[in-house]
Protein backbone atom coordinates (compact mmCIF):
# COMPACT_ATOMS: atom_id res chain seq x y z
CA MET A 1 24.44 -38.03 -21.16
CA ASP A 2 26.27 -40.69 -19.40
CA THR A 3 25.39 -44.73 -20.71
CA ILE A 4 25.34 -47.85 -19.83
CA ILE A 5 25.24 -50.81 -21.68
CA TYR A 6 24.11 -53.90 -20.20
CA LEU A 7 25.17 -57.04 -22.12
CA TYR A 8 22.71 -59.94 -20.89
CA ARG A 9 21.88 -63.12 -22.56
CA LYS A 10 18.46 -63.60 -24.11
CA ARG A 11 17.34 -67.22 -25.57
CA ASN A 12 15.65 -67.49 -29.07
CA LEU A 13 16.59 -64.59 -30.50
CA SER A 14 16.98 -63.87 -34.48
CA GLU A 15 19.01 -60.50 -33.70
CA PRO A 16 19.93 -58.52 -30.48
CA ALA A 17 17.03 -57.13 -28.64
CA ILE A 18 17.91 -53.39 -27.71
CA ASP A 19 16.45 -51.26 -24.62
CA THR A 20 16.72 -47.67 -23.84
CA PHE A 21 15.81 -46.79 -20.30
CA ARG A 22 16.71 -42.78 -19.40
CA MET A 23 17.65 -43.54 -15.53
CA LYS A 24 17.98 -40.22 -13.72
CA ASP A 25 21.20 -38.62 -15.19
CA TYR A 26 22.09 -41.74 -17.33
CA LEU A 27 21.17 -43.29 -20.32
CA LEU A 28 20.80 -47.25 -19.68
CA VAL A 29 21.07 -49.49 -22.63
CA ARG A 30 19.81 -53.16 -22.37
CA ALA A 31 21.20 -55.53 -25.34
CA GLY A 32 19.77 -59.54 -25.10
CA LEU A 33 22.35 -61.81 -26.99
CA ASP A 34 21.23 -65.14 -27.81
CA MET A 35 24.73 -66.43 -27.76
CA GLU A 36 27.72 -69.09 -25.99
CA SER A 37 31.05 -69.52 -25.96
CA ASP A 38 30.84 -71.76 -29.19
CA ARG A 39 27.65 -69.93 -30.88
CA TRP A 40 26.29 -66.88 -31.60
CA PHE A 41 22.70 -66.51 -32.65
CA GLY A 42 22.41 -69.51 -35.25
CA HIS A 43 26.29 -69.97 -35.83
CA LYS A 44 27.49 -72.95 -34.39
CA LEU A 45 31.12 -73.44 -34.37
CA ILE A 46 32.32 -76.76 -34.68
CA PRO A 47 36.21 -76.90 -33.33
CA PRO A 48 38.39 -77.69 -36.45
CA GLY A 49 39.73 -81.30 -35.58
CA GLU A 50 36.96 -82.51 -34.23
CA ILE A 51 35.11 -85.79 -36.40
CA PRO A 52 31.85 -85.73 -36.12
CA PRO A 53 30.38 -88.90 -34.66
CA GLY A 54 30.22 -91.94 -37.11
CA GLU A 55 32.12 -90.07 -39.83
CA ILE A 56 35.79 -92.04 -39.11
CA SER A 57 36.86 -93.93 -36.33
CA PRO A 58 40.46 -91.88 -35.34
CA TRP A 59 43.57 -93.73 -36.36
CA THR A 60 46.13 -95.79 -34.41
CA GLU A 61 49.67 -95.96 -35.16
CA GLN A 62 50.46 -99.17 -36.81
CA SER A 63 53.55 -101.26 -35.76
CA SER A 64 56.31 -101.91 -37.77
CA GLN A 65 55.22 -105.43 -37.90
CA ALA A 66 52.06 -104.89 -39.79
CA GLY A 67 51.45 -105.76 -43.50
CA LEU A 68 50.84 -104.19 -46.53
CA ARG A 69 47.14 -104.62 -46.09
CA GLU A 70 46.99 -102.90 -42.71
CA ARG A 71 49.89 -100.62 -43.84
CA MET A 72 47.28 -99.29 -46.84
CA ARG A 73 44.20 -99.37 -44.40
CA THR A 74 45.84 -97.01 -42.70
CA PHE A 75 47.17 -94.70 -45.66
CA TRP A 76 43.35 -94.37 -47.04
CA GLU A 77 41.97 -93.92 -43.20
CA LYS A 78 44.24 -91.01 -42.76
CA ARG A 79 43.43 -89.53 -46.07
CA ARG A 80 39.68 -89.86 -45.51
CA ALA A 81 40.28 -88.30 -41.93
CA LEU A 82 42.38 -85.56 -43.64
CA ARG A 83 39.59 -84.69 -46.09
CA VAL A 84 36.93 -84.68 -43.39
CA LEU A 85 38.92 -82.11 -41.09
CA ARG A 86 39.76 -79.88 -44.18
CA ARG A 87 35.71 -79.73 -44.83
CA GLN A 88 35.20 -79.11 -41.37
CA ARG A 89 37.94 -76.51 -41.17
CA ALA A 90 36.37 -74.52 -44.20
CA ALA A 91 32.38 -74.55 -42.49
CA CYS A 92 34.00 -73.30 -39.27
CA ASN A 93 35.44 -70.18 -41.21
CA ARG A 94 32.43 -69.90 -43.19
CA GLU A 95 30.46 -69.20 -39.93
CA LEU A 96 33.56 -67.15 -38.28
CA ALA A 97 32.89 -65.02 -40.71
CA GLU A 98 29.59 -64.54 -40.80
CA ILE A 99 29.79 -64.31 -36.96
CA ARG A 100 32.40 -61.39 -37.32
CA ARG A 101 29.93 -59.95 -39.75
CA GLU A 102 26.96 -59.62 -37.48
CA ILE A 103 28.98 -58.76 -34.25
CA GLN A 104 30.24 -55.82 -36.31
CA ALA A 105 26.89 -54.75 -37.49
CA PHE A 106 25.68 -54.90 -33.79
CA CYS A 107 28.30 -52.63 -32.73
CA GLU A 108 28.01 -49.99 -35.34
CA GLU A 109 23.95 -50.54 -34.44
CA MET A 110 24.79 -48.99 -30.90
CA LEU A 111 27.20 -46.47 -31.68
CA PRO A 112 24.25 -43.90 -32.07
CA LEU A 113 22.86 -45.06 -28.56
CA ILE A 114 26.14 -43.34 -27.18
CA ASP A 115 27.39 -39.87 -26.83
CA GLN A 116 30.60 -39.32 -27.58
CA ARG A 117 30.87 -36.10 -25.27
CA PHE A 118 30.03 -38.36 -21.76
CA GLU A 119 31.38 -41.60 -20.37
CA CYS A 120 30.09 -44.45 -21.94
CA ARG A 121 31.08 -48.32 -19.92
CA CYS A 122 29.63 -51.83 -20.49
CA VAL A 123 28.29 -54.49 -17.69
CA TYR A 124 27.89 -58.11 -18.20
CA GLU A 125 25.81 -60.77 -17.11
CA ASP A 126 27.74 -63.56 -15.84
CA THR A 127 26.47 -65.81 -17.95
CA ILE A 128 27.82 -64.03 -21.24
CA ARG A 129 31.06 -62.34 -19.68
CA HIS A 130 33.32 -65.33 -20.16
CA CYS A 131 32.02 -65.55 -23.64
CA LEU A 132 33.04 -62.74 -24.36
CA THR A 133 35.81 -61.14 -22.03
CA GLY A 134 37.94 -64.43 -22.69
CA GLY A 135 41.74 -65.01 -22.78
CA GLN A 136 44.51 -63.69 -25.29
CA ARG A 137 43.00 -64.64 -29.15
CA SER A 138 45.84 -66.90 -31.22
CA GLY A 139 45.08 -67.99 -34.91
CA TRP A 140 44.06 -71.44 -35.91
CA GLU A 141 46.22 -74.34 -35.40
CA GLU A 142 46.34 -76.75 -38.50
CA TYR A 143 44.16 -80.48 -37.15
CA ARG A 144 44.87 -79.54 -33.50
CA GLN A 145 42.33 -81.04 -31.40
CA ASP A 146 42.33 -79.42 -28.60
CA ARG A 147 41.07 -75.61 -29.98
CA ASP A 148 39.09 -73.63 -27.50
CA ILE A 149 36.61 -72.43 -30.23
CA GLY A 150 35.12 -70.11 -27.77
CA GLU A 151 38.13 -67.94 -27.56
CA GLU A 152 37.70 -67.18 -31.60
CA LEU A 153 34.63 -65.82 -30.61
CA ALA A 154 35.46 -63.91 -27.74
CA GLY A 155 38.81 -62.61 -29.85
CA ILE A 156 36.33 -61.10 -32.84
CA TRP A 157 34.36 -59.54 -30.32
CA ARG A 158 37.30 -57.20 -28.71
CA GLU A 159 38.30 -56.34 -32.12
CA TYR A 160 35.07 -54.38 -32.42
CA TRP A 161 33.86 -53.86 -29.32
CA ARG A 162 35.42 -51.17 -27.85
CA VAL A 163 33.45 -49.77 -24.82
CA PRO A 164 35.35 -50.31 -21.53
CA GLU A 165 33.77 -52.44 -18.64
CA PHE A 166 32.05 -50.68 -15.93
CA GLU A 167 34.15 -50.60 -12.81
CA GLU A 168 32.58 -47.72 -10.68
CA TYR A 169 30.45 -49.97 -7.91
CA LEU A 170 31.62 -48.29 -5.32
CA GLU A 171 31.62 -44.82 -6.17
CA LEU A 172 29.29 -42.10 -4.04
CA ARG A 173 27.02 -41.50 -7.83
CA TRP A 174 26.22 -45.42 -8.09
CA THR A 175 26.03 -46.08 -4.30
CA GLU A 176 23.62 -43.92 -3.17
CA PRO A 177 20.78 -44.37 -5.26
CA LEU A 178 20.56 -47.88 -3.84
CA LEU A 179 19.95 -46.53 -0.32
CA VAL A 180 16.49 -46.11 -1.68
CA TYR A 181 15.99 -49.42 -0.74
CA ALA A 182 17.32 -49.22 3.17
CA ARG A 183 14.26 -49.06 4.75
CA LEU A 184 14.88 -50.49 8.34
CA HIS A 185 16.43 -48.82 11.55
CA HIS A 186 19.11 -51.39 12.70
CA PHE A 187 22.02 -52.03 10.34
CA VAL A 188 24.87 -54.21 9.48
CA ALA A 189 27.87 -53.04 7.54
CA LEU A 190 30.38 -55.12 5.98
CA GLY A 191 33.92 -54.28 4.85
CA THR A 192 34.26 -50.45 4.22
CA ALA A 193 34.30 -47.73 0.84
CA PRO A 194 35.88 -44.43 0.34
CA CYS A 195 32.37 -43.03 0.18
CA ILE A 196 31.10 -45.07 3.59
CA PHE A 197 30.63 -42.30 5.78
CA GLU A 198 28.63 -40.12 3.10
CA LEU A 199 26.23 -43.27 3.28
CA PHE A 200 25.73 -43.37 7.09
CA SER A 201 24.95 -39.94 7.00
CA LEU A 202 22.18 -40.09 4.55
CA CYS A 203 21.10 -43.51 6.49
CA ALA A 204 21.72 -41.39 10.39
CA ARG A 205 17.99 -40.35 10.92
CA ARG A 206 16.42 -43.78 10.58
CA MET A 207 19.19 -45.56 12.29
CA LYS A 208 19.17 -46.78 15.44
CA SER A 209 21.73 -48.99 15.50
CA LEU A 210 24.79 -50.30 13.90
CA ARG A 211 27.33 -52.88 13.68
CA TRP A 212 30.44 -52.92 11.63
CA PHE A 213 32.71 -55.65 10.22
CA LEU A 214 35.67 -55.12 8.22
CA LYS A 215 39.58 -56.31 8.28
CA GLU A 216 41.84 -55.78 10.84
CA ALA A 217 43.95 -53.63 8.25
CA ASP A 218 40.83 -51.29 7.43
CA HIS A 219 40.40 -50.44 10.83
CA THR A 220 42.67 -47.52 10.89
CA VAL A 221 43.64 -44.37 12.70
CA GLU A 222 42.14 -42.16 10.45
CA LEU A 223 38.55 -44.61 10.22
CA GLN A 224 38.58 -44.61 14.28
CA GLU A 225 38.37 -40.29 14.15
CA ALA A 226 35.76 -40.88 11.17
CA VAL A 227 34.07 -42.69 13.46
CA ALA A 228 34.15 -40.53 16.21
CA ASP A 229 33.00 -37.35 13.99
CA PHE A 230 30.16 -39.55 13.07
CA TYR A 231 29.01 -40.15 16.78
CA GLU A 232 29.67 -36.54 17.63
CA GLU A 233 27.41 -35.30 14.92
CA TYR A 234 24.84 -37.92 14.61
CA GLY A 235 24.86 -39.50 17.98
CA ALA A 236 24.94 -42.85 16.71
CA ALA A 237 27.51 -45.32 17.65
CA ALA A 238 29.11 -47.89 15.40
CA SER A 239 29.87 -51.28 16.92
CA ILE A 240 32.93 -52.28 15.35
CA GLN A 241 34.17 -55.93 15.02
CA THR A 242 37.63 -56.30 12.97
CA LEU A 243 38.39 -59.67 11.35
CA GLU A 244 41.11 -61.34 10.65
CA GLY A 245 42.88 -64.10 8.13
CA GLU A 246 42.22 -64.39 4.50
CA ARG A 247 38.57 -64.40 3.38
CA PRO A 248 37.41 -63.52 6.96
CA TYR A 249 33.59 -62.52 5.91
CA ALA A 250 33.09 -66.24 4.21
CA ARG A 251 33.62 -67.04 7.87
CA LEU A 252 31.37 -64.77 9.21
CA LEU A 253 28.12 -65.91 11.42
CA LEU A 254 25.61 -63.19 11.28
CA GLU A 255 22.56 -63.42 13.95
CA THR A 256 19.92 -61.27 14.34
CA ARG A 257 16.96 -60.90 16.34
CA ASP A 258 15.28 -58.19 14.53
CA PRO A 259 15.45 -57.51 10.77
CA VAL A 260 18.52 -55.53 9.62
CA CYS A 261 19.85 -53.89 6.64
CA VAL A 262 23.10 -55.04 5.17
CA LEU A 263 25.44 -52.65 3.79
CA ASP A 264 27.82 -55.18 1.78
CA PHE A 265 31.01 -53.37 0.67
CA THR A 266 32.96 -56.75 0.39
CA GLY A 267 32.89 -58.11 -3.01
CA ASP A 268 33.00 -61.34 -1.50
CA PRO A 269 29.58 -63.63 -2.24
CA ARG A 270 30.09 -66.14 0.45
CA VAL A 271 29.25 -64.51 3.50
CA PRO A 272 26.65 -66.95 5.33
CA VAL A 273 23.20 -65.45 5.31
CA SER A 274 21.09 -67.99 7.65
CA GLY A 275 21.50 -66.13 10.91
CA LEU A 276 19.42 -63.19 9.08
CA ALA A 277 15.89 -62.40 10.51
CA ARG A 278 13.09 -63.25 7.86
CA GLY A 279 12.55 -58.91 6.52
CA SER A 280 16.14 -58.58 6.24
CA ILE A 281 17.62 -56.24 2.96
CA TRP A 282 20.73 -57.29 1.56
CA ILE A 283 22.20 -54.14 -0.19
CA ASP A 284 24.89 -55.52 -2.91
CA PHE A 285 27.25 -52.76 -3.76
CA MET A 286 29.59 -54.56 -5.69
CA SER A 287 26.50 -56.12 -7.73
CA LEU A 288 27.51 -60.00 -7.37
CA GLU A 289 24.92 -62.04 -9.28
CA GLU A 290 26.25 -64.83 -7.27
CA ARG A 291 25.70 -63.46 -3.93
CA GLU A 292 21.75 -62.78 -5.63
CA ARG A 293 21.61 -66.49 -6.29
CA ARG A 294 22.85 -67.80 -3.26
CA ILE A 295 20.41 -65.36 -1.51
CA ALA A 296 17.63 -66.64 -3.53
CA ALA A 297 18.58 -70.56 -3.21
CA GLN A 298 18.41 -70.07 0.67
CA GLY A 299 14.90 -68.73 0.32
CA SER A 300 15.50 -67.04 3.73
CA GLY A 301 12.96 -64.02 2.90
CA ILE A 302 15.98 -61.94 2.53
CA ALA A 303 15.36 -59.05 -0.16
CA TYR A 304 18.25 -58.58 -2.48
CA PHE A 305 19.44 -55.02 -4.05
CA SER A 306 22.13 -54.17 -6.11
CA LEU A 307 23.36 -51.94 -9.53
CA LYS A 308 22.85 -55.40 -11.97
CA GLU A 309 19.58 -56.10 -10.40
CA THR A 310 18.36 -52.69 -11.04
CA TRP A 311 19.47 -52.60 -14.77
CA ARG A 312 17.87 -56.11 -15.35
CA ARG A 313 14.59 -54.82 -14.01
CA ALA A 314 14.46 -51.40 -15.50
CA GLY A 315 11.20 -51.10 -16.61
CA LYS A 316 9.95 -54.05 -15.65
CA PRO A 317 6.50 -53.83 -13.15
């Protein structure tokens, strides 16, 4: 059975919180991690080169005219500061070693949940994605003060975590289940996807109208022929409006008198929703958490659904 591992942040944990759910044709594993870019559960990292407040004031270079007393004072201040940095560096190495052991143990704990005969993908919640998938890892640099400690944690994660990231959001297998939420009769489609006409056909019986907004470059001859075939088979005409320019969906103003079901394939979270009638439904096939936050912040009476939202709420009433 295929496996989806959903990784999210959950505070006040002493160990990962792992739950499993059997979905229709795959296994969902939800793993809660209490971590940030510089912390893994109870292990807090202090960047090497950062002197704790009150430990010692940073030294400054003395002029060539400084007296012997001043030069000696500067010399001993540097010696004390170097000892502080060495102690700090040793503490960081101890914490990193413990984090390495715990991340390795977590990855080994997940292995029995993955059937090697089938595909396994992971999904990161936005709150931890950048912490675990940072840029390229580099080694420690002695006494450097601007070191990004979070990159060390991300580097350890990449060393042990071998599960590829889920990218199949627009495949029919993953889009079709979301149509259970498309309960209205008027539809607005934003953007396109390889399976879009298959989704239209599944909604055709209850579809009274379809407004379709897409980029000018996507309005191809093949698409126009598919629209004609869709009308001929289902008697449903699509009103198409093409958009030009960079990030055209961010400038689109949707205004509806009646509640509509928005089928969003754009991957752009900035489409304004203020003009939609209350009771409208927004199905975000690309599962952008920023889109979900924007709709929730507006309090506009629009229901939001996505794959990530489904996985996050699995097992909850």
